C-alpha cells in the first residue's frame, strides 16, 4: 500500500486526478490497462475509489502516462486567512512587547497579451523602428560610443 503525507488531498480527489491525467493523455481505461500491464478492472476500481492502488501499480501507470507518481497526489492549496473585501489592506496585529516593523511594498501589475493585442503590436512596431534608426546611424557613422 502506498502511504502519503496528510497534507495531500483526500482519497477521492487523488483518484479523480488519475482519471484526469489518463483522459488528458488520450487513453481509455482499457488502452491504459493494456499498455501498463494491469487489468481494466483495476483502473476502474482505483478511479471509483473502491481500491487503494499499490505503489507498483502507480509506478506502471505513471510510466505509461509520462508523469511522476507524485503527479497523482497534488498538494492541496494552502488555506488563506479570511480577509476583507478586495482592495482593503490586511494587517496582522502586533503581539505583546513586539516592535512594529517598517515594510515597503511594491505592487506590480501584469497584463497578459496575445498576438492580436494592439498595444503589443505597437510596442513591436516601435522596436523595429528603433532598430532601423540605429542601423541608419551606424551606417552614417553618427553613433555615440
N, C-alpha and C. Protein backbone atom coordinates (compact mmCIF):
# COMPACT_ATOMS: atom_id res chain seq x y z
N UNK A 1 0.84 -1.18 0.00
CA UNK A 1 0.00 0.00 0.00
C UNK A 1 0.88 1.24 0.00
N UNK A 2 0.51 2.25 -0.75
CA UNK A 2 1.27 3.48 -0.84
C UNK A 2 0.79 4.44 0.24
N UNK A 3 1.72 4.93 1.03
CA UNK A 3 1.39 5.90 2.08
C UNK A 3 1.73 7.28 1.59
N UNK A 4 0.95 8.27 1.97
CA UNK A 4 1.25 9.64 1.57
C UNK A 4 0.98 10.58 2.74
N UNK A 5 1.68 11.71 2.77
CA UNK A 5 1.53 12.65 3.88
C UNK A 5 0.11 13.19 4.00
N UNK A 6 -0.23 13.66 5.21
CA UNK A 6 -1.57 14.17 5.49
C UNK A 6 -1.90 15.43 4.69
N UNK A 7 -0.86 16.19 4.26
CA UNK A 7 -1.16 17.44 3.58
C UNK A 7 -1.65 17.23 2.15
N UNK A 8 -1.72 15.98 1.70
CA UNK A 8 -2.23 15.72 0.36
C UNK A 8 -3.75 15.71 0.37
N UNK A 9 -4.31 15.82 -0.82
CA UNK A 9 -5.75 15.89 -0.96
C UNK A 9 -6.42 14.60 -0.52
N UNK A 10 -7.72 14.64 -0.38
CA UNK A 10 -8.49 13.48 0.02
C UNK A 10 -8.33 12.36 -1.01
N UNK A 11 -8.63 11.16 -0.58
CA UNK A 11 -8.51 9.99 -1.45
C UNK A 11 -9.35 10.17 -2.72
N UNK A 12 -10.56 10.68 -2.57
CA UNK A 12 -11.44 10.86 -3.73
C UNK A 12 -10.83 11.82 -4.75
N UNK A 13 -10.25 12.91 -4.26
CA UNK A 13 -9.63 13.89 -5.16
C UNK A 13 -8.43 13.28 -5.86
N UNK A 14 -7.65 12.46 -5.15
CA UNK A 14 -6.48 11.83 -5.76
C UNK A 14 -6.91 10.90 -6.88
N UNK A 15 -7.95 10.12 -6.65
CA UNK A 15 -8.40 9.19 -7.66
C UNK A 15 -8.95 9.93 -8.87
N UNK A 16 -9.58 11.06 -8.63
CA UNK A 16 -10.06 11.91 -9.72
C UNK A 16 -8.87 12.40 -10.54
N UNK A 17 -7.76 12.67 -9.88
CA UNK A 17 -6.56 13.15 -10.58
C UNK A 17 -6.04 12.08 -11.54
N UNK A 18 -6.07 10.81 -11.16
CA UNK A 18 -5.65 9.74 -12.06
C UNK A 18 -6.50 9.74 -13.31
N UNK A 19 -7.81 9.85 -13.14
CA UNK A 19 -8.71 9.88 -14.30
C UNK A 19 -8.41 11.08 -15.20
N UNK A 20 -8.18 12.26 -14.59
CA UNK A 20 -7.88 13.46 -15.38
C UNK A 20 -6.60 13.28 -16.19
N UNK A 21 -5.57 12.74 -15.57
CA UNK A 21 -4.30 12.54 -16.27
C UNK A 21 -4.47 11.53 -17.41
N UNK A 22 -5.19 10.45 -17.14
CA UNK A 22 -5.43 9.43 -18.17
C UNK A 22 -6.17 10.02 -19.35
N UNK A 23 -7.24 10.77 -19.10
CA UNK A 23 -8.03 11.35 -20.18
C UNK A 23 -7.24 12.39 -20.95
N UNK A 24 -6.44 13.20 -20.23
CA UNK A 24 -5.63 14.22 -20.90
C UNK A 24 -4.60 13.57 -21.83
N UNK A 25 -4.11 12.39 -21.42
CA UNK A 25 -3.13 11.68 -22.25
C UNK A 25 -3.80 10.94 -23.41
N UNK A 26 -5.14 10.91 -23.43
CA UNK A 26 -5.86 10.31 -24.54
C UNK A 26 -6.05 8.80 -24.43
N UNK A 27 -5.95 8.26 -23.24
CA UNK A 27 -6.12 6.82 -23.04
C UNK A 27 -7.51 6.50 -22.52
N UNK A 28 -8.07 5.42 -23.02
CA UNK A 28 -9.25 4.85 -22.37
C UNK A 28 -8.73 3.98 -21.23
N UNK A 29 -9.61 3.55 -20.36
CA UNK A 29 -9.18 2.67 -19.28
C UNK A 29 -8.55 1.40 -19.85
N UNK A 30 -9.16 0.84 -20.89
CA UNK A 30 -8.65 -0.41 -21.46
C UNK A 30 -7.29 -0.20 -22.12
N UNK A 31 -7.12 0.89 -22.85
CA UNK A 31 -5.82 1.15 -23.50
C UNK A 31 -4.72 1.33 -22.47
N UNK A 32 -5.01 2.06 -21.40
CA UNK A 32 -4.03 2.26 -20.35
C UNK A 32 -3.70 0.93 -19.67
N UNK A 33 -4.73 0.14 -19.41
CA UNK A 33 -4.53 -1.16 -18.77
C UNK A 33 -3.64 -2.05 -19.62
N UNK A 34 -3.93 -2.13 -20.91
CA UNK A 34 -3.14 -2.98 -21.81
C UNK A 34 -1.68 -2.54 -21.86
N UNK A 35 -1.45 -1.24 -21.94
CA UNK A 35 -0.09 -0.71 -22.06
C UNK A 35 0.68 -0.84 -20.74
N UNK A 36 -0.02 -0.65 -19.62
CA UNK A 36 0.65 -0.70 -18.31
C UNK A 36 0.77 -2.11 -17.75
N UNK A 37 0.04 -3.06 -18.34
CA UNK A 37 0.11 -4.42 -17.85
C UNK A 37 -0.71 -4.66 -16.59
N UNK A 38 -1.80 -3.94 -16.46
CA UNK A 38 -2.73 -4.17 -15.36
C UNK A 38 -4.11 -4.39 -15.98
N UNK A 39 -5.07 -4.81 -15.17
CA UNK A 39 -6.40 -5.04 -15.73
C UNK A 39 -7.20 -3.75 -15.80
N UNK A 40 -8.12 -3.69 -16.73
CA UNK A 40 -9.00 -2.53 -16.85
C UNK A 40 -9.84 -2.42 -15.59
N UNK A 41 -10.20 -3.55 -15.00
CA UNK A 41 -10.98 -3.57 -13.76
C UNK A 41 -10.22 -2.86 -12.64
N UNK A 42 -8.90 -3.09 -12.58
CA UNK A 42 -8.08 -2.44 -11.56
C UNK A 42 -8.14 -0.92 -11.71
N UNK A 43 -7.97 -0.43 -12.94
CA UNK A 43 -8.02 1.02 -13.17
C UNK A 43 -9.39 1.57 -12.82
N UNK A 44 -10.44 0.88 -13.21
CA UNK A 44 -11.79 1.31 -12.91
C UNK A 44 -12.01 1.38 -11.40
N UNK A 45 -11.59 0.36 -10.69
CA UNK A 45 -11.76 0.31 -9.23
C UNK A 45 -10.97 1.43 -8.54
N UNK A 46 -9.77 1.70 -9.04
CA UNK A 46 -8.95 2.79 -8.46
C UNK A 46 -9.64 4.13 -8.69
N UNK A 47 -10.09 4.36 -9.91
CA UNK A 47 -10.74 5.64 -10.22
C UNK A 47 -12.05 5.83 -9.48
N UNK A 48 -12.75 4.74 -9.20
CA UNK A 48 -14.02 4.83 -8.47
C UNK A 48 -13.83 4.88 -6.96
N UNK A 49 -12.58 4.73 -6.51
CA UNK A 49 -12.30 4.79 -5.08
C UNK A 49 -12.59 3.50 -4.35
N UNK A 50 -12.73 2.42 -5.07
CA UNK A 50 -13.02 1.13 -4.44
C UNK A 50 -11.77 0.32 -4.13
N UNK A 51 -10.64 0.76 -4.65
CA UNK A 51 -9.39 0.04 -4.43
C UNK A 51 -8.28 1.03 -4.17
N UNK A 52 -7.44 0.71 -3.19
CA UNK A 52 -6.25 1.52 -2.94
C UNK A 52 -5.15 1.01 -3.85
N UNK A 53 -4.59 1.89 -4.66
CA UNK A 53 -3.55 1.43 -5.59
C UNK A 53 -2.25 1.09 -4.87
N UNK A 54 -1.60 0.03 -5.32
CA UNK A 54 -0.29 -0.32 -4.80
C UNK A 54 0.75 0.55 -5.48
N UNK A 55 1.87 0.76 -4.81
CA UNK A 55 2.95 1.56 -5.37
C UNK A 55 3.41 1.04 -6.72
N UNK A 56 3.50 -0.26 -6.85
CA UNK A 56 3.94 -0.90 -8.11
C UNK A 56 2.97 -0.53 -9.24
N UNK A 57 1.66 -0.56 -8.95
CA UNK A 57 0.66 -0.21 -9.96
C UNK A 57 0.77 1.25 -10.35
N UNK A 58 0.94 2.13 -9.35
CA UNK A 58 1.06 3.56 -9.65
C UNK A 58 2.31 3.85 -10.47
N UNK A 59 3.39 3.15 -10.20
CA UNK A 59 4.62 3.35 -11.00
C UNK A 59 4.41 2.94 -12.45
N UNK A 60 3.70 1.83 -12.67
CA UNK A 60 3.40 1.39 -14.04
C UNK A 60 2.54 2.42 -14.76
N UNK A 61 1.49 2.88 -14.08
CA UNK A 61 0.58 3.86 -14.70
C UNK A 61 1.31 5.17 -15.00
N UNK A 62 2.11 5.62 -14.05
CA UNK A 62 2.85 6.88 -14.25
C UNK A 62 3.80 6.76 -15.42
N UNK A 63 4.47 5.63 -15.54
CA UNK A 63 5.41 5.42 -16.64
C UNK A 63 4.71 5.52 -17.99
N UNK A 64 3.57 4.86 -18.11
CA UNK A 64 2.83 4.88 -19.38
C UNK A 64 2.30 6.28 -19.68
N UNK A 65 1.82 6.97 -18.65
CA UNK A 65 1.21 8.29 -18.84
C UNK A 65 2.25 9.42 -18.96
N UNK A 66 3.52 9.08 -18.72
CA UNK A 66 4.57 10.09 -18.85
C UNK A 66 4.57 11.11 -17.73
N UNK A 67 4.18 10.68 -16.53
CA UNK A 67 4.16 11.57 -15.38
C UNK A 67 4.91 10.90 -14.24
N UNK A 68 5.09 11.63 -13.15
CA UNK A 68 5.67 11.09 -11.93
C UNK A 68 4.53 10.58 -11.06
N UNK A 69 4.82 9.61 -10.21
CA UNK A 69 3.80 9.12 -9.27
C UNK A 69 3.26 10.28 -8.44
N UNK A 70 4.12 11.21 -8.08
CA UNK A 70 3.70 12.36 -7.28
C UNK A 70 2.61 13.17 -7.97
N UNK A 71 2.54 13.13 -9.30
CA UNK A 71 1.51 13.88 -10.02
C UNK A 71 0.11 13.36 -9.74
N UNK A 72 0.00 12.12 -9.27
CA UNK A 72 -1.31 11.58 -8.89
C UNK A 72 -1.78 12.16 -7.56
N UNK A 73 -0.86 12.81 -6.83
CA UNK A 73 -1.15 13.31 -5.49
C UNK A 73 -0.84 14.80 -5.39
N UNK A 74 -1.61 15.67 -6.06
CA UNK A 74 -1.33 17.10 -5.98
C UNK A 74 -1.55 17.61 -4.57
N UNK A 75 -0.68 18.52 -4.17
CA UNK A 75 -0.83 19.11 -2.83
C UNK A 75 -2.04 20.03 -2.82
N UNK A 76 -2.71 20.05 -1.69
CA UNK A 76 -3.84 20.96 -1.52
C UNK A 76 -3.30 22.38 -1.43
N UNK A 77 -3.99 23.36 -1.99
CA UNK A 77 -3.53 24.74 -1.87
C UNK A 77 -3.57 25.18 -0.41
N UNK A 78 -2.65 26.03 -0.02
CA UNK A 78 -2.65 26.48 1.37
C UNK A 78 -3.92 27.26 1.69
N UNK A 79 -4.40 27.09 2.88
CA UNK A 79 -5.60 27.80 3.32
C UNK A 79 -5.20 29.21 3.71
N UNK A 80 -5.82 30.19 3.08
CA UNK A 80 -5.51 31.59 3.35
C UNK A 80 -6.43 32.11 4.46
N UNK A 81 -5.95 33.09 5.22
CA UNK A 81 -6.82 33.65 6.27
C UNK A 81 -8.00 34.38 5.63
N UNK A 82 -9.07 34.47 6.39
CA UNK A 82 -10.24 35.21 5.92
C UNK A 82 -9.87 36.69 5.87
N UNK A 83 -10.00 37.28 4.73
CA UNK A 83 -9.64 38.68 4.55
C UNK A 83 -10.88 39.50 4.26
N UNK A 84 -10.71 40.80 4.31
CA UNK A 84 -11.80 41.70 3.99
C UNK A 84 -12.04 41.73 2.49
N UNK A 85 -12.86 42.65 2.05
CA UNK A 85 -13.14 42.77 0.62
C UNK A 85 -11.88 43.10 -0.17
N UNK A 86 -11.85 42.75 -1.46
CA UNK A 86 -10.67 43.07 -2.28
C UNK A 86 -10.37 44.56 -2.24
N UNK A 87 -9.09 44.88 -2.23
CA UNK A 87 -8.67 46.26 -2.23
C UNK A 87 -8.40 46.81 -0.84
N UNK A 88 -8.79 46.10 0.20
CA UNK A 88 -8.54 46.54 1.57
C UNK A 88 -7.29 45.85 2.10
N UNK A 89 -6.50 46.58 2.85
CA UNK A 89 -5.28 46.02 3.42
C UNK A 89 -5.61 45.13 4.60
N UNK A 90 -4.75 44.16 4.84
CA UNK A 90 -4.91 43.26 5.98
C UNK A 90 -3.62 43.31 6.78
N UNK A 91 -3.73 43.64 8.05
CA UNK A 91 -2.55 43.73 8.89
C UNK A 91 -2.67 42.74 10.05
N UNK A 92 -1.58 42.07 10.32
CA UNK A 92 -1.54 41.16 11.46
C UNK A 92 -1.26 42.00 12.69
N UNK A 93 -2.08 41.88 13.72
CA UNK A 93 -1.86 42.71 14.92
C UNK A 93 -0.54 42.34 15.61
N UNK A 94 0.09 43.35 16.20
CA UNK A 94 1.33 43.12 16.93
C UNK A 94 1.04 42.32 18.20
N UNK A 95 2.00 41.45 18.53
CA UNK A 95 1.88 40.72 19.79
C UNK A 95 2.46 41.58 20.90
N UNK A 96 2.19 41.20 22.12
CA UNK A 96 2.65 41.96 23.29
C UNK A 96 4.17 42.09 23.25
N UNK A 97 4.69 43.27 23.52
CA UNK A 97 6.12 43.59 23.52
C UNK A 97 6.78 43.45 22.14
N UNK A 98 6.00 43.45 21.09
CA UNK A 98 6.56 43.34 19.73
C UNK A 98 6.69 44.74 19.15
N UNK A 99 7.85 45.03 18.57
CA UNK A 99 8.10 46.33 17.96
C UNK A 99 7.55 46.33 16.54
N UNK A 100 6.96 47.44 16.11
CA UNK A 100 6.47 47.50 14.73
C UNK A 100 7.63 47.53 13.74
N UNK A 101 7.46 46.86 12.63
CA UNK A 101 8.46 46.84 11.57
C UNK A 101 8.01 47.78 10.46
N UNK A 102 8.99 48.30 9.74
CA UNK A 102 8.68 49.08 8.56
C UNK A 102 8.78 48.16 7.36
N UNK A 103 7.74 48.14 6.58
CA UNK A 103 7.68 47.25 5.42
C UNK A 103 7.42 48.11 4.19
N UNK A 104 8.21 47.87 3.16
CA UNK A 104 7.98 48.56 1.89
C UNK A 104 7.38 47.55 0.92
N UNK A 105 6.26 47.90 0.36
CA UNK A 105 5.61 47.02 -0.61
C UNK A 105 5.71 47.63 -1.99
N UNK A 106 6.01 46.78 -2.94
CA UNK A 106 5.97 47.20 -4.34
C UNK A 106 4.93 46.34 -5.02
N UNK A 107 3.99 46.96 -5.65
CA UNK A 107 2.95 46.23 -6.34
C UNK A 107 3.15 46.38 -7.84
N UNK A 108 3.09 45.28 -8.53
CA UNK A 108 3.23 45.27 -9.97
C UNK A 108 1.99 44.65 -10.58
N UNK A 109 1.61 45.16 -11.70
CA UNK A 109 0.51 44.54 -12.42
C UNK A 109 1.08 43.94 -13.70
N UNK A 110 0.51 42.85 -14.09
CA UNK A 110 0.95 42.17 -15.31
C UNK A 110 -0.24 42.09 -16.23
N UNK A 111 -0.02 42.46 -17.46
CA UNK A 111 -1.08 42.38 -18.45
C UNK A 111 -0.68 41.31 -19.45
N UNK A 112 -1.42 40.24 -19.52
CA UNK A 112 -1.12 39.18 -20.46
C UNK A 112 -1.73 39.57 -21.80
N UNK A 113 -0.94 39.42 -22.85
CA UNK A 113 -1.38 39.84 -24.16
C UNK A 113 -1.22 38.70 -25.15
N UNK A 114 -2.06 38.70 -26.16
CA UNK A 114 -1.86 37.76 -27.25
C UNK A 114 -1.41 38.55 -28.47
N UNK A 115 -1.10 37.85 -29.53
CA UNK A 115 -0.53 38.49 -30.72
C UNK A 115 -1.45 39.55 -31.34
N UNK A 116 -2.75 39.47 -31.10
CA UNK A 116 -3.69 40.44 -31.69
C UNK A 116 -3.81 41.72 -30.88
N UNK A 117 -3.21 41.76 -29.71
CA UNK A 117 -3.33 42.91 -28.82
C UNK A 117 -2.69 44.14 -29.49
N UNK A 118 -3.43 45.23 -29.60
CA UNK A 118 -2.95 46.43 -30.30
C UNK A 118 -1.75 47.05 -29.60
N UNK A 119 -1.75 47.03 -28.27
CA UNK A 119 -0.62 47.60 -27.54
C UNK A 119 0.66 46.82 -27.84
N UNK A 120 0.59 45.50 -27.83
CA UNK A 120 1.75 44.67 -28.14
C UNK A 120 2.22 44.92 -29.58
N UNK A 121 1.31 45.04 -30.52
CA UNK A 121 1.68 45.31 -31.90
C UNK A 121 2.39 46.65 -32.02
N UNK A 122 1.91 47.65 -31.30
CA UNK A 122 2.53 48.99 -31.34
C UNK A 122 3.93 48.96 -30.74
N UNK A 123 4.10 48.27 -29.61
CA UNK A 123 5.43 48.16 -29.00
C UNK A 123 6.40 47.49 -29.96
N UNK A 124 5.98 46.44 -30.61
CA UNK A 124 6.85 45.73 -31.56
C UNK A 124 7.18 46.62 -32.76
N UNK A 125 6.20 47.41 -33.24
CA UNK A 125 6.45 48.32 -34.36
C UNK A 125 7.49 49.35 -33.97
N UNK A 126 7.37 49.90 -32.75
CA UNK A 126 8.33 50.90 -32.29
C UNK A 126 9.73 50.30 -32.11
N UNK A 127 9.80 49.06 -31.66
CA UNK A 127 11.10 48.40 -31.52
C UNK A 127 11.76 48.22 -32.88
N UNK A 128 10.96 47.88 -33.90
CA UNK A 128 11.52 47.73 -35.26
C UNK A 128 12.02 49.08 -35.78
N UNK A 129 11.24 50.15 -35.53
CA UNK A 129 11.66 51.49 -35.96
C UNK A 129 12.97 51.89 -35.28
N UNK A 130 13.07 51.63 -33.99
CA UNK A 130 14.28 51.97 -33.23
C UNK A 130 15.48 51.22 -33.78
N UNK A 131 15.31 49.94 -34.07
CA UNK A 131 16.42 49.14 -34.62
C UNK A 131 16.83 49.66 -35.99
N UNK A 132 15.84 50.04 -36.82
CA UNK A 132 16.14 50.57 -38.15
C UNK A 132 16.89 51.91 -38.04
N UNK A 133 16.48 52.77 -37.13
CA UNK A 133 17.15 54.06 -36.95
C UNK A 133 18.59 53.85 -36.46
N UNK A 134 18.77 52.88 -35.54
CA UNK A 134 20.11 52.60 -35.04
C UNK A 134 21.02 52.13 -36.19
N UNK A 135 20.48 51.29 -37.08
CA UNK A 135 21.27 50.81 -38.22
C UNK A 135 21.65 51.97 -39.14
N UNK A 136 20.71 52.86 -39.38
CA UNK A 136 20.99 54.02 -40.24
C UNK A 136 22.08 54.89 -39.63
N UNK A 137 22.01 55.12 -38.32
CA UNK A 137 23.04 55.91 -37.66
C UNK A 137 24.39 55.23 -37.72
N UNK A 138 24.43 53.93 -37.55
CA UNK A 138 25.70 53.20 -37.62
C UNK A 138 26.30 53.27 -39.02
N UNK A 139 25.44 53.17 -40.04
CA UNK A 139 25.92 53.26 -41.43
C UNK A 139 26.52 54.63 -41.71
N UNK A 140 25.88 55.66 -41.16
CA UNK A 140 26.37 57.03 -41.42
C UNK A 140 27.52 57.42 -40.50
N UNK A 141 27.82 56.58 -39.49
CA UNK A 141 28.91 56.88 -38.59
C UNK A 141 28.58 57.91 -37.53
N UNK A 142 27.31 58.16 -37.31
CA UNK A 142 26.91 59.16 -36.32
C UNK A 142 26.44 58.54 -35.01
N UNK A 143 26.97 57.42 -34.63
CA UNK A 143 26.55 56.80 -33.37
C UNK A 143 27.41 57.28 -32.22
N UNK A 144 26.83 57.25 -31.03
CA UNK A 144 27.58 57.60 -29.82
C UNK A 144 28.15 56.33 -29.23
N UNK A 145 29.38 56.40 -28.79
CA UNK A 145 30.02 55.25 -28.17
C UNK A 145 30.05 55.44 -26.70
